[in-house]
Amino acid sequence: NGEDPLGDTDAMPSKSELDELISKGEAREAALVLSAVERFAQS
């Protein structure tokens, strides 16, 4: 529906990269990771 904030790649970020996105990433990048955190927390 638009653009993947983490880029057009099949590679998955590492844990340290995800942590970096939360603390220093663009708002949309951080929000994406936090959305995955919420889904996982529900699971």
PDB file of all heavy atoms in Angstrom:
ATOM      1  N   ASN A   1       0.803  -1.220   0.000  1.00  0.00           N
ATOM      2  CA  ASN A   1       0.000   0.000   0.000  1.00  0.00           C
ATOM      3  C   ASN A   1       0.839   1.275   0.000  1.00  0.00           C
ATOM      4  O   ASN A   1       0.328   2.357   0.262  1.00  0.00           O
ATOM      5  CB  ASN A   1      -0.923   0.008   1.223  1.00  0.00           C
ATOM      6  CG  ASN A   1      -1.920  -1.139   1.196  1.00  0.00           C
ATOM      7  OD1 ASN A   1      -2.859  -1.131   0.428  1.00  0.00           O
ATOM      8  ND2 ASN A   1      -1.680  -2.140   2.031  1.00  0.00           N
ATOM      9  N   GLY A   2       2.104   1.139  -0.251  1.00  0.00           N
ATOM     10  CA  GLY A   2       2.951   2.326  -0.284  1.00  0.00           C
ATOM     11  C   GLY A   2       4.419   1.955  -0.268  1.00  0.00           C
ATOM     12  O   GLY A   2       4.961   1.508  -1.264  1.00  0.00           O
ATOM     13  N   GLU A   3       5.030   2.111   0.898  1.00  0.00           N
ATOM     14  CA  GLU A   3       6.464   1.875   0.989  1.00  0.00           C
ATOM     15  C   GLU A   3       6.821   1.257   2.333  1.00  0.00           C
ATOM     16  O   GLU A   3       6.320   1.672   3.375  1.00  0.00           O
ATOM     17  CB  GLU A   3       7.216   3.202   0.821  1.00  0.00           C
ATOM     18  CG  GLU A   3       8.731   3.052   0.848  1.00  0.00           C
ATOM     19  CD  GLU A   3       9.438   4.384   0.705  1.00  0.00           C
ATOM     20  OE1 GLU A   3       8.750   5.401   0.468  1.00  0.00           O
ATOM     21  OE2 GLU A   3      10.666   4.405   0.850  1.00  0.00           O
ATOM     22  N   ASP A   4       7.692   0.248   2.291  1.00  0.00           N
ATOM     23  CA  ASP A   4       8.203  -0.368   3.507  1.00  0.00           C
ATOM     24  C   ASP A   4       9.209   0.593   4.138  1.00  0.00           C
ATOM     25  O   ASP A   4      10.230   0.920   3.522  1.00  0.00           O
ATOM     26  CB  ASP A   4       8.867  -1.701   3.156  1.00  0.00           C
ATOM     27  CG  ASP A   4       9.504  -2.394   4.353  1.00  0.00           C
ATOM     28  OD1 ASP A   4       9.450  -1.838   5.466  1.00  0.00           O
ATOM     29  OD2 ASP A   4      10.063  -3.489   4.165  1.00  0.00           O
ATOM     30  N   PRO A   5       8.974   1.054   5.361  1.00  0.00           N
ATOM     31  CA  PRO A   5       9.897   2.002   5.991  1.00  0.00           C
ATOM     32  C   PRO A   5      11.322   1.472   6.149  1.00  0.00           C
ATOM     33  O   PRO A   5      12.269   2.251   6.255  1.00  0.00           O
ATOM     34  CB  PRO A   5       9.266   2.259   7.368  1.00  0.00           C
ATOM     35  CG  PRO A   5       7.842   1.896   7.220  1.00  0.00           C
ATOM     36  CD  PRO A   5       7.815   0.779   6.216  1.00  0.00           C
ATOM     37  N   LEU A   6      11.453   0.132   6.168  1.00  0.00           N
ATOM     38  CA  LEU A   6      12.788  -0.447   6.360  1.00  0.00           C
ATOM     39  C   LEU A   6      13.494  -0.745   5.056  1.00  0.00           C
ATOM     40  O   LEU A   6      14.588  -1.303   5.052  1.00  0.00           O
ATOM     41  CB  LEU A   6      12.679  -1.726   7.203  1.00  0.00           C
ATOM     42  CG  LEU A   6      12.008  -1.572   8.568  1.00  0.00           C
ATOM     43  CD1 LEU A   6      12.148  -2.849   9.371  1.00  0.00           C
ATOM     44  CD2 LEU A   6      12.566  -0.395   9.350  1.00  0.00           C
ATOM     45  N   GLY A   7      12.876  -0.372   3.911  1.00  0.00           N
ATOM     46  CA  GLY A   7      13.539  -0.549   2.633  1.00  0.00           C
ATOM     47  C   GLY A   7      13.018  -1.740   1.859  1.00  0.00           C
ATOM     48  O   GLY A   7      12.400  -2.650   2.409  1.00  0.00           O
ATOM     49  N   ASP A   8      13.288  -1.726   0.581  1.00  0.00           N
ATOM     50  CA  ASP A   8      12.841  -2.809  -0.298  1.00  0.00           C
ATOM     51  C   ASP A   8      13.855  -3.942  -0.292  1.00  0.00           C
ATOM     52  O   ASP A   8      14.659  -4.108  -1.208  1.00  0.00           O
ATOM     53  CB  ASP A   8      12.644  -2.276  -1.731  1.00  0.00           C
ATOM     54  CG  ASP A   8      11.570  -1.210  -1.789  1.00  0.00           C
ATOM     55  OD1 ASP A   8      10.601  -1.340  -1.032  1.00  0.00           O
ATOM     56  OD2 ASP A   8      11.723  -0.263  -2.570  1.00  0.00           O
ATOM     57  N   THR A   9      13.849  -4.701   0.764  1.00  0.00           N
ATOM     58  CA  THR A   9      14.774  -5.821   0.872  1.00  0.00           C
ATOM     59  C   THR A   9      14.115  -6.945   1.643  1.00  0.00           C
ATOM     60  O   THR A   9      13.261  -6.717   2.497  1.00  0.00           O
ATOM     61  CB  THR A   9      16.087  -5.400   1.566  1.00  0.00           C
ATOM     62  OG1 THR A   9      16.918  -6.554   1.751  1.00  0.00           O
ATOM     63  CG2 THR A   9      15.791  -4.793   2.934  1.00  0.00           C
ATOM     64  N   ASP A  10      14.529  -8.161   1.350  1.00  0.00           N
ATOM     65  CA  ASP A  10      14.005  -9.323   2.065  1.00  0.00           C
ATOM     66  C   ASP A  10      14.786  -9.590   3.352  1.00  0.00           C
ATOM     67  O   ASP A  10      14.385 -10.427   4.157  1.00  0.00           O
ATOM     68  CB  ASP A  10      14.086 -10.568   1.164  1.00  0.00           C
ATOM     69  CG  ASP A  10      13.142 -10.472  -0.021  1.00  0.00           C
ATOM     70  OD1 ASP A  10      12.110  -9.804   0.124  1.00  0.00           O
ATOM     71  OD2 ASP A  10      13.455 -11.067  -1.079  1.00  0.00           O
ATOM     72  N   ALA A  11      15.903  -8.899   3.528  1.00  0.00           N
ATOM     73  CA  ALA A  11      16.718  -9.118   4.721  1.00  0.00           C
ATOM     74  C   ALA A  11      16.010  -8.591   5.958  1.00  0.00           C
ATOM     75  O   ALA A  11      15.423  -7.510   5.937  1.00  0.00           O
ATOM     76  CB  ALA A  11      18.071  -8.431   4.563  1.00  0.00           C
ATOM     77  N   MET A  12      16.072  -9.375   7.046  1.00  0.00           N
ATOM     78  CA  MET A  12      15.451  -8.966   8.297  1.00  0.00           C
ATOM     79  C   MET A  12      16.494  -8.308   9.199  1.00  0.00           C
ATOM     80  O   MET A  12      17.636  -8.783   9.287  1.00  0.00           O
ATOM     81  CB  MET A  12      14.830 -10.164   9.005  1.00  0.00           C
ATOM     82  CG  MET A  12      13.650 -10.766   8.256  1.00  0.00           C
ATOM     83  SD  MET A  12      12.291  -9.586   8.042  1.00  0.00           S
ATOM     84  CE  MET A  12      11.678  -9.469   9.725  1.00  0.00           C
ATOM     85  N   PRO A  13      16.133  -7.229   9.884  1.00  0.00           N
ATOM     86  CA  PRO A  13      17.076  -6.565  10.789  1.00  0.00           C
ATOM     87  C   PRO A  13      17.457  -7.476  11.951  1.00  0.00           C
ATOM     88  O   PRO A  13      16.677  -8.335  12.374  1.00  0.00           O
ATOM     89  CB  PRO A  13      16.295  -5.346  11.292  1.00  0.00           C
ATOM     90  CG  PRO A  13      15.138  -5.191  10.359  1.00  0.00           C
ATOM     91  CD  PRO A  13      14.826  -6.561   9.851  1.00  0.00           C
ATOM     92  N   SER A  14      18.653  -7.271  12.477  1.00  0.00           N
ATOM     93  CA  SER A  14      19.077  -8.002  13.665  1.00  0.00           C
ATOM     94  C   SER A  14      18.436  -7.375  14.904  1.00  0.00           C
ATOM     95  O   SER A  14      17.812  -6.311  14.837  1.00  0.00           O
ATOM     96  CB  SER A  14      20.602  -7.933  13.802  1.00  0.00           C
ATOM     97  OG  SER A  14      21.015  -6.599  14.023  1.00  0.00           O
ATOM     98  N   LYS A  15      18.607  -8.035  16.066  1.00  0.00           N
ATOM     99  CA  LYS A  15      18.051  -7.484  17.301  1.00  0.00           C
ATOM    100  C   LYS A  15      18.631  -6.102  17.597  1.00  0.00           C
ATOM    101  O   LYS A  15      17.910  -5.187  18.001  1.00  0.00           O
ATOM    102  CB  LYS A  15      18.333  -8.435  18.472  1.00  0.00           C
ATOM    103  CG  LYS A  15      17.501  -9.693  18.479  1.00  0.00           C
ATOM    104  CD  LYS A  15      17.723 -10.496  19.744  1.00  0.00           C
ATOM    105  CE  LYS A  15      19.143 -11.013  19.860  1.00  0.00           C
ATOM    106  NZ  LYS A  15      19.334 -11.888  21.038  1.00  0.00           N
ATOM    107  N   SER A  16      19.938  -5.948  17.401  1.00  0.00           N
ATOM    108  CA  SER A  16      20.566  -4.653  17.679  1.00  0.00           C
ATOM    109  C   SER A  16      20.072  -3.588  16.711  1.00  0.00           C
ATOM    110  O   SER A  16      19.891  -2.422  17.107  1.00  0.00           O
ATOM    111  CB  SER A  16      22.087  -4.779  17.604  1.00  0.00           C
ATOM    112  OG  SER A  16      22.502  -5.208  16.309  1.00  0.00           O
ATOM    113  N   GLU A  17      19.834  -3.961  15.473  1.00  0.00           N
ATOM    114  CA  GLU A  17      19.316  -2.998  14.495  1.00  0.00           C
ATOM    115  C   GLU A  17      17.886  -2.581  14.844  1.00  0.00           C
ATOM    116  O   GLU A  17      17.519  -1.409  14.693  1.00  0.00           O
ATOM    117  CB  GLU A  17      19.378  -3.597  13.089  1.00  0.00           C
ATOM    118  CG  GLU A  17      20.795  -3.719  12.549  1.00  0.00           C
ATOM    119  CD  GLU A  17      20.870  -4.501  11.254  1.00  0.00           C
ATOM    120  OE1 GLU A  17      19.956  -5.329  10.987  1.00  0.00           O
ATOM    121  OE2 GLU A  17      21.848  -4.305  10.500  1.00  0.00           O
ATOM    122  N   LEU A  18      17.089  -3.529  15.312  1.00  0.00           N
ATOM    123  CA  LEU A  18      15.729  -3.205  15.719  1.00  0.00           C
ATOM    124  C   LEU A  18      15.733  -2.266  16.928  1.00  0.00           C
ATOM    125  O   LEU A  18      14.943  -1.315  17.000  1.00  0.00           O
ATOM    126  CB  LEU A  18      14.961  -4.481  16.058  1.00  0.00           C
ATOM    127  CG  LEU A  18      14.629  -5.395  14.876  1.00  0.00           C
ATOM    128  CD1 LEU A  18      14.047  -6.712  15.369  1.00  0.00           C
ATOM    129  CD2 LEU A  18      13.664  -4.720  13.907  1.00  0.00           C
ATOM    130  N   ASP A  19      16.634  -2.530  17.881  1.00  0.00           N
ATOM    131  CA  ASP A  19      16.756  -1.651  19.042  1.00  0.00           C
ATOM    132  C   ASP A  19      17.148  -0.242  18.612  1.00  0.00           C
ATOM    133  O   ASP A  19      16.643   0.757  19.154  1.00  0.00           O
ATOM    134  CB  ASP A  19      17.806  -2.197  20.015  1.00  0.00           C
ATOM    135  CG  ASP A  19      17.347  -3.449  20.733  1.00  0.00           C
ATOM    136  OD1 ASP A  19      16.147  -3.790  20.632  1.00  0.00           O
ATOM    137  OD2 ASP A  19      18.187  -4.103  21.382  1.00  0.00           O
ATOM    138  N   GLU A  20      18.036  -0.162  17.639  1.00  0.00           N
ATOM    139  CA  GLU A  20      18.478   1.133  17.125  1.00  0.00           C
ATOM    140  C   GLU A  20      17.323   1.878  16.463  1.00  0.00           C
ATOM    141  O   GLU A  20      17.184   3.096  16.613  1.00  0.00           O
ATOM    142  CB  GLU A  20      19.619   0.918  16.121  1.00  0.00           C
ATOM    143  CG  GLU A  20      20.246   2.185  15.578  1.00  0.00           C
ATOM    144  CD  GLU A  20      21.272   2.786  16.511  1.00  0.00           C
ATOM    145  OE1 GLU A  20      21.577   2.172  17.545  1.00  0.00           O
ATOM    146  OE2 GLU A  20      21.764   3.884  16.199  1.00  0.00           O
ATOM    147  N   LEU A  21      16.488   1.159  15.739  1.00  0.00           N
ATOM    148  CA  LEU A  21      15.349   1.788  15.077  1.00  0.00           C
ATOM    149  C   LEU A  21      14.369   2.379  16.097  1.00  0.00           C
ATOM    150  O   LEU A  21      13.795   3.443  15.886  1.00  0.00           O
ATOM    151  CB  LEU A  21      14.622   0.772  14.187  1.00  0.00           C
ATOM    152  CG  LEU A  21      15.358   0.355  12.906  1.00  0.00           C
ATOM    153  CD1 LEU A  21      14.643  -0.805  12.247  1.00  0.00           C
ATOM    154  CD2 LEU A  21      15.469   1.528  11.945  1.00  0.00           C
ATOM    155  N   ILE A  22      14.190   1.670  17.217  1.00  0.00           N
ATOM    156  CA  ILE A  22      13.279   2.174  18.245  1.00  0.00           C
ATOM    157  C   ILE A  22      13.810   3.448  18.890  1.00  0.00           C
ATOM    158  O   ILE A  22      13.064   4.412  19.137  1.00  0.00           O
ATOM    159  CB  ILE A  22      13.034   1.091  19.321  1.00  0.00           C
ATOM    160  CG1 ILE A  22      12.121   0.002  18.765  1.00  0.00           C
ATOM    161  CG2 ILE A  22      12.414   1.694  20.576  1.00  0.00           C
ATOM    162  CD1 ILE A  22      11.854  -1.121  19.723  1.00  0.00           C
ATOM    163  N   SER A  23      15.105   3.464  19.157  1.00  0.00           N
ATOM    164  CA  SER A  23      15.668   4.601  19.889  1.00  0.00           C
ATOM    165  C   SER A  23      16.070   5.773  18.999  1.00  0.00           C
ATOM    166  O   SER A  23      15.951   6.931  19.410  1.00  0.00           O
ATOM    167  CB  SER A  23      16.889   4.141  20.699  1.00  0.00           C
ATOM    168  OG  SER A  23      17.896   3.637  19.833  1.00  0.00           O
ATOM    169  N   LYS A  24      16.506   5.463  17.763  1.00  0.00           N
ATOM    170  CA  LYS A  24      17.047   6.543  16.933  1.00  0.00           C
ATOM    171  C   LYS A  24      16.475   6.590  15.513  1.00  0.00           C
ATOM    172  O   LYS A  24      16.848   7.459  14.728  1.00  0.00           O
ATOM    173  CB  LYS A  24      18.574   6.405  16.842  1.00  0.00           C
ATOM    174  CG  LYS A  24      19.289   6.510  18.175  1.00  0.00           C
ATOM    175  CD  LYS A  24      20.792   6.352  18.024  1.00  0.00           C
ATOM    176  CE  LYS A  24      21.503   6.448  19.373  1.00  0.00           C
ATOM    177  NZ  LYS A  24      22.970   6.265  19.237  1.00  0.00           N
ATOM    178  N   GLY A  25      15.588   5.668  15.187  1.00  0.00           N
ATOM    179  CA  GLY A  25      15.053   5.633  13.832  1.00  0.00           C
ATOM    180  C   GLY A  25      14.041   6.726  13.571  1.00  0.00           C
ATOM    181  O   GLY A  25      13.596   7.434  14.481  1.00  0.00           O
ATOM    182  N   GLU A  26      13.684   6.873  12.308  1.00  0.00           N
ATOM    183  CA  GLU A  26      12.606   7.788  11.949  1.00  0.00           C
ATOM    184  C   GLU A  26      11.316   7.330  12.640  1.00  0.00           C
ATOM    185  O   GLU A  26      11.170   6.158  12.992  1.00  0.00           O
ATOM    186  CB  GLU A  26      12.416   7.798  10.438  1.00  0.00           C
ATOM    187  CG  GLU A  26      13.629   8.286   9.646  1.00  0.00           C
ATOM    188  CD  GLU A  26      13.863   9.786   9.823  1.00  0.00           C
ATOM    189  OE1 GLU A  26      12.881  10.487  10.157  1.00  0.00           O
ATOM    190  OE2 GLU A  26      15.005  10.231   9.650  1.00  0.00           O
ATOM    191  N   ALA A  27      10.395   8.263  12.825  1.00  0.00           N
ATOM    192  CA  ALA A  27       9.169   7.952  13.551  1.00  0.00           C
ATOM    193  C   ALA A  27       8.433   6.771  12.939  1.00  0.00           C
ATOM    194  O   ALA A  27       7.937   5.883  13.658  1.00  0.00           O
ATOM    195  CB  ALA A  27       8.260   9.183  13.585  1.00  0.00           C
ATOM    196  N   ARG A  28       8.374   6.716  11.620  1.00  0.00           N
ATOM    197  CA  ARG A  28       7.648   5.638  10.952  1.00  0.00           C
ATOM    198  C   ARG A  28       8.369   4.302  11.129  1.00  0.00           C
ATOM    199  O   ARG A  28       7.726   3.254  11.277  1.00  0.00           O
ATOM    200  CB  ARG A  28       7.478   5.973   9.469  1.00  0.00           C
ATOM    201  CG  ARG A  28       6.531   5.061   8.712  1.00  0.00           C
ATOM    202  CD  ARG A  28       6.232   5.658   7.338  1.00  0.00           C
ATOM    203  NE  ARG A  28       5.583   4.716   6.459  1.00  0.00           N
ATOM    204  CZ  ARG A  28       4.277   4.433   6.482  1.00  0.00           C
ATOM    205  NH1 ARG A  28       3.507   5.024   7.384  1.00  0.00           N
ATOM    206  NH2 ARG A  28       3.762   3.574   5.634  1.00  0.00           N
ATOM    207  N   GLU A  29       9.699   4.309  11.136  1.00  0.00           N
ATOM    208  CA  GLU A  29      10.474   3.090  11.360  1.00  0.00           C
ATOM    209  C   GLU A  29      10.244   2.566  12.775  1.00  0.00           C
ATOM    210  O   GLU A  29       9.989   1.371  12.988  1.00  0.00           O
ATOM    211  CB  GLU A  29      11.962   3.359  11.141  1.00  0.00           C
ATOM    212  CG  GLU A  29      12.340   3.727   9.711  1.00  0.00           C
ATOM    213  CD  GLU A  29      13.786   4.163   9.590  1.00  0.00           C
ATOM    214  OE1 GLU A  29      14.372   4.603  10.613  1.00  0.00           O
ATOM    215  OE2 GLU A  29      14.334   4.076   8.476  1.00  0.00           O
ATOM    216  N   ALA A  30      10.346   3.484  13.755  1.00  0.00           N
ATOM    217  CA  ALA A  30      10.145   3.090  15.146  1.00  0.00           C
ATOM    218  C   ALA A  30       8.726   2.579  15.370  1.00  0.00           C
ATOM    219  O   ALA A  30       8.510   1.580  16.075  1.00  0.00           O
ATOM    220  CB  ALA A  30      10.435   4.264  16.072  1.00  0.00           C
ATOM    221  N   ALA A  31       7.758   3.250  14.736  1.00  0.00           N
ATOM    222  CA  ALA A  31       6.361   2.842  14.901  1.00  0.00           C
ATOM    223  C   ALA A  31       6.122   1.455  14.325  1.00  0.00           C
ATOM    224  O   ALA A  31       5.337   0.662  14.883  1.00  0.00           O
ATOM    225  CB  ALA A  31       5.443   3.856  14.229  1.00  0.00           C
ATOM    226  N   LEU A  32       6.785   1.133  13.230  1.00  0.00           N
ATOM    227  CA  LEU A  32       6.649  -0.194  12.629  1.00  0.00           C
ATOM    228  C   LEU A  32       7.161  -1.266  13.595  1.00  0.00           C
ATOM    229  O   LEU A  32       6.490  -2.282  13.820  1.00  0.00           O
ATOM    230  CB  LEU A  32       7.427  -0.251  11.315  1.00  0.00           C
ATOM    231  CG  LEU A  32       7.570  -1.635  10.655  1.00  0.00           C
ATOM    232  CD1 LEU A  32       6.209  -2.237  10.358  1.00  0.00           C
ATOM    233  CD2 LEU A  32       8.416  -1.527   9.385  1.00  0.00           C
ATOM    234  N   VAL A  33       8.342  -1.054  14.160  1.00  0.00           N
ATOM    235  CA  VAL A  33       8.910  -2.034  15.087  1.00  0.00           C
ATOM    236  C   VAL A  33       8.028  -2.164  16.331  1.00  0.00           C
ATOM    237  O   VAL A  33       7.760  -3.270  16.811  1.00  0.00           O
ATOM    238  CB  VAL A  33      10.346  -1.648  15.479  1.00  0.00           C
ATOM    239  CG1 VAL A  33      10.909  -2.654  16.485  1.00  0.00           C
ATOM    240  CG2 VAL A  33      11.246  -1.584  14.252  1.00  0.00           C
ATOM    241  N   LEU A  34       7.531  -1.042  16.833  1.00  0.00           N
ATOM    242  CA  LEU A  34       6.656  -1.074  18.008  1.00  0.00           C
ATOM    243  C   LEU A  34       5.334  -1.783  17.710  1.00  0.00           C
ATOM    244  O   LEU A  34       4.751  -2.431  18.588  1.00  0.00           O
ATOM    245  CB  LEU A  34       6.395   0.339  18.514  1.00  0.00           C
ATOM    246  CG  LEU A  34       7.597   1.028  19.185  1.00  0.00           C
ATOM    247  CD1 LEU A  34       7.279   2.480  19.475  1.00  0.00           C
ATOM    248  CD2 LEU A  34       8.001   0.295  20.459  1.00  0.00           C
ATOM    249  N   SER A  35       4.878  -1.682  16.467  1.00  0.00           N
ATOM    250  CA  SER A  35       3.660  -2.406  16.077  1.00  0.00           C
ATOM    251  C   SER A  35       3.899  -3.916  16.141  1.00  0.00           C
ATOM    252  O   SER A  35       3.035  -4.675  16.584  1.00  0.00           O
ATOM    253  CB  SER A  35       3.227  -1.998  14.667  1.00  0.00           C
ATOM    254  OG  SER A  35       2.869  -0.633  14.618  1.00  0.00           O
ATOM    255  N   ALA A  36       5.098  -4.344  15.703  1.00  0.00           N
ATOM    256  CA  ALA A  36       5.442  -5.764  15.794  1.00  0.00           C
ATOM    257  C   ALA A  36       5.574  -6.194  17.251  1.00  0.00           C
ATOM    258  O   ALA A  36       5.176  -7.306  17.624  1.00  0.00           O
ATOM    259  CB  ALA A  36       6.742  -6.039  15.039  1.00  0.00           C
ATOM    260  N   VAL A  37       6.118  -5.302  18.094  1.00  0.00           N
ATOM    261  CA  VAL A  37       6.225  -5.583  19.523  1.00  0.00           C
ATOM    262  C   VAL A  37       4.835  -5.802  20.118  1.00  0.00           C
ATOM    263  O   VAL A  37       4.601  -6.742  20.887  1.00  0.00           O
ATOM    264  CB  VAL A  37       6.946  -4.429  20.256  1.00  0.00           C
ATOM    265  CG1 VAL A  37       6.782  -4.566  21.772  1.00  0.00           C
ATOM    266  CG2 VAL A  37       8.421  -4.407  19.891  1.00  0.00           C
ATOM    267  N   GLU A  38       3.882  -4.944  19.751  1.00  0.00           N
ATOM    268  CA  GLU A  38       2.522  -5.069  20.263  1.00  0.00           C
ATOM    269  C   GLU A  38       1.889  -6.388  19.833  1.00  0.00           C
ATOM    270  O   GLU A  38       1.264  -7.085  20.652  1.00  0.00           O
ATOM    271  CB  GLU A  38       1.675  -3.895  19.774  1.00  0.00           C
ATOM    272  CG  GLU A  38       0.205  -3.972  20.160  1.00  0.00           C
ATOM    273  CD  GLU A  38      -0.039  -3.924  21.657  1.00  0.00           C
ATOM    274  OE1 GLU A  38       0.840  -3.417  22.396  1.00  0.00           O
ATOM    275  OE2 GLU A  38      -1.102  -4.394  22.105  1.00  0.00           O
ATOM    276  N   ARG A  39       2.043  -6.739  18.576  1.00  0.00           N
ATOM    277  CA  ARG A  39       1.480  -8.012  18.092  1.00  0.00           C
ATOM    278  C   ARG A  39       2.094  -9.187  18.840  1.00  0.00           C
ATOM    279  O   ARG A  39       1.397 -10.127  19.239  1.00  0.00           O
ATOM    280  CB  ARG A  39       1.725  -8.158  16.596  1.00  0.00           C
ATOM    281  CG  ARG A  39       0.833  -7.310  15.712  1.00  0.00           C
ATOM    282  CD  ARG A  39       0.947  -7.789  14.284  1.00  0.00           C
ATOM    283  NE  ARG A  39       0.020  -7.094  13.400  1.00  0.00           N
ATOM    284  CZ  ARG A  39      -0.240  -7.491  12.154  1.00  0.00           C
ATOM    285  NH1 ARG A  39       0.362  -8.577  11.665  1.00  0.00           N
ATOM    286  NH2 ARG A  39      -1.080  -6.820  11.405  1.00  0.00           N
ATOM    287  N   PHE A  40       3.410  -9.143  19.008  1.00  0.00           N
ATOM    288  CA  PHE A  40       4.078 -10.248  19.693  1.00  0.00           C
ATOM    289  C   PHE A  40       3.641 -10.316  21.149  1.00  0.00           C
ATOM    290  O   PHE A  40       3.437 -11.406  21.697  1.00  0.00           O
ATOM    291  CB  PHE A  40       5.592 -10.097  19.605  1.00  0.00           C
ATOM    292  CG  PHE A  40       6.336 -11.236  20.257  1.00  0.00           C
ATOM    293  CD1 PHE A  40       6.545 -12.423  19.570  1.00  0.00           C
ATOM    294  CD2 PHE A  40       6.809 -11.128  21.556  1.00  0.00           C
ATOM    295  CE1 PHE A  40       7.211 -13.481  20.166  1.00  0.00           C
ATOM    296  CE2 PHE A  40       7.473 -12.178  22.161  1.00  0.00           C
ATOM    297  CZ  PHE A  40       7.673 -13.356  21.461  1.00  0.00           C
ATOM    298  N   ALA A  41       3.508  -9.165  21.804  1.00  0.00           N
ATOM    299  CA  ALA A  41       3.070  -9.136  23.203  1.00  0.00           C
ATOM    300  C   ALA A  41       1.679  -9.741  23.341  1.00  0.00           C
ATOM    301  O   ALA A  41       1.396 -10.461  24.318  1.00  0.00           O
ATOM    302  CB  ALA A  41       3.082  -7.706  23.724  1.00  0.00           C
ATOM    303  N   GLN A  42       0.803  -9.468  22.379  1.00  0.00           N
ATOM    304  CA  GLN A  42      -0.529 -10.079  22.398  1.00  0.00           C
ATOM    305  C   GLN A  42      -0.418 -11.595  22.267  1.00  0.00           C
ATOM    306  O   GLN A  42      -1.120 -12.346  22.958  1.00  0.00           O
ATOM    307  CB  GLN A  42      -1.389  -9.504  21.260  1.00  0.00           C
ATOM    308  CG  GLN A  42      -1.714  -8.030  21.382  1.00  0.00           C
ATOM    309  CD  GLN A  42      -2.766  -7.731  22.443  1.00  0.00           C
ATOM    310  OE1 GLN A  42      -3.429  -8.636  22.958  1.00  0.00           O
ATOM    311  NE2 GLN A  42      -2.935  -6.460  22.778  1.00  0.00           N
ATOM    312  N   SER A  43       0.465 -12.053  21.389  1.00  0.00           N
ATOM    313  CA  SER A  43       0.666 -13.503  21.218  1.00  0.00           C
ATOM    314  C   SER A  43       1.235 -14.127  22.485  1.00  0.00           C
ATOM    315  O   SER A  43       0.803 -15.201  22.918  1.00  0.00           O
ATOM    316  CB  SER A  43       1.614 -13.773  20.043  1.00  0.00           C
ATOM    317  OG  SER A  43       1.061 -13.333  18.827  1.00  0.00           O
TER     318      SER A  43
END
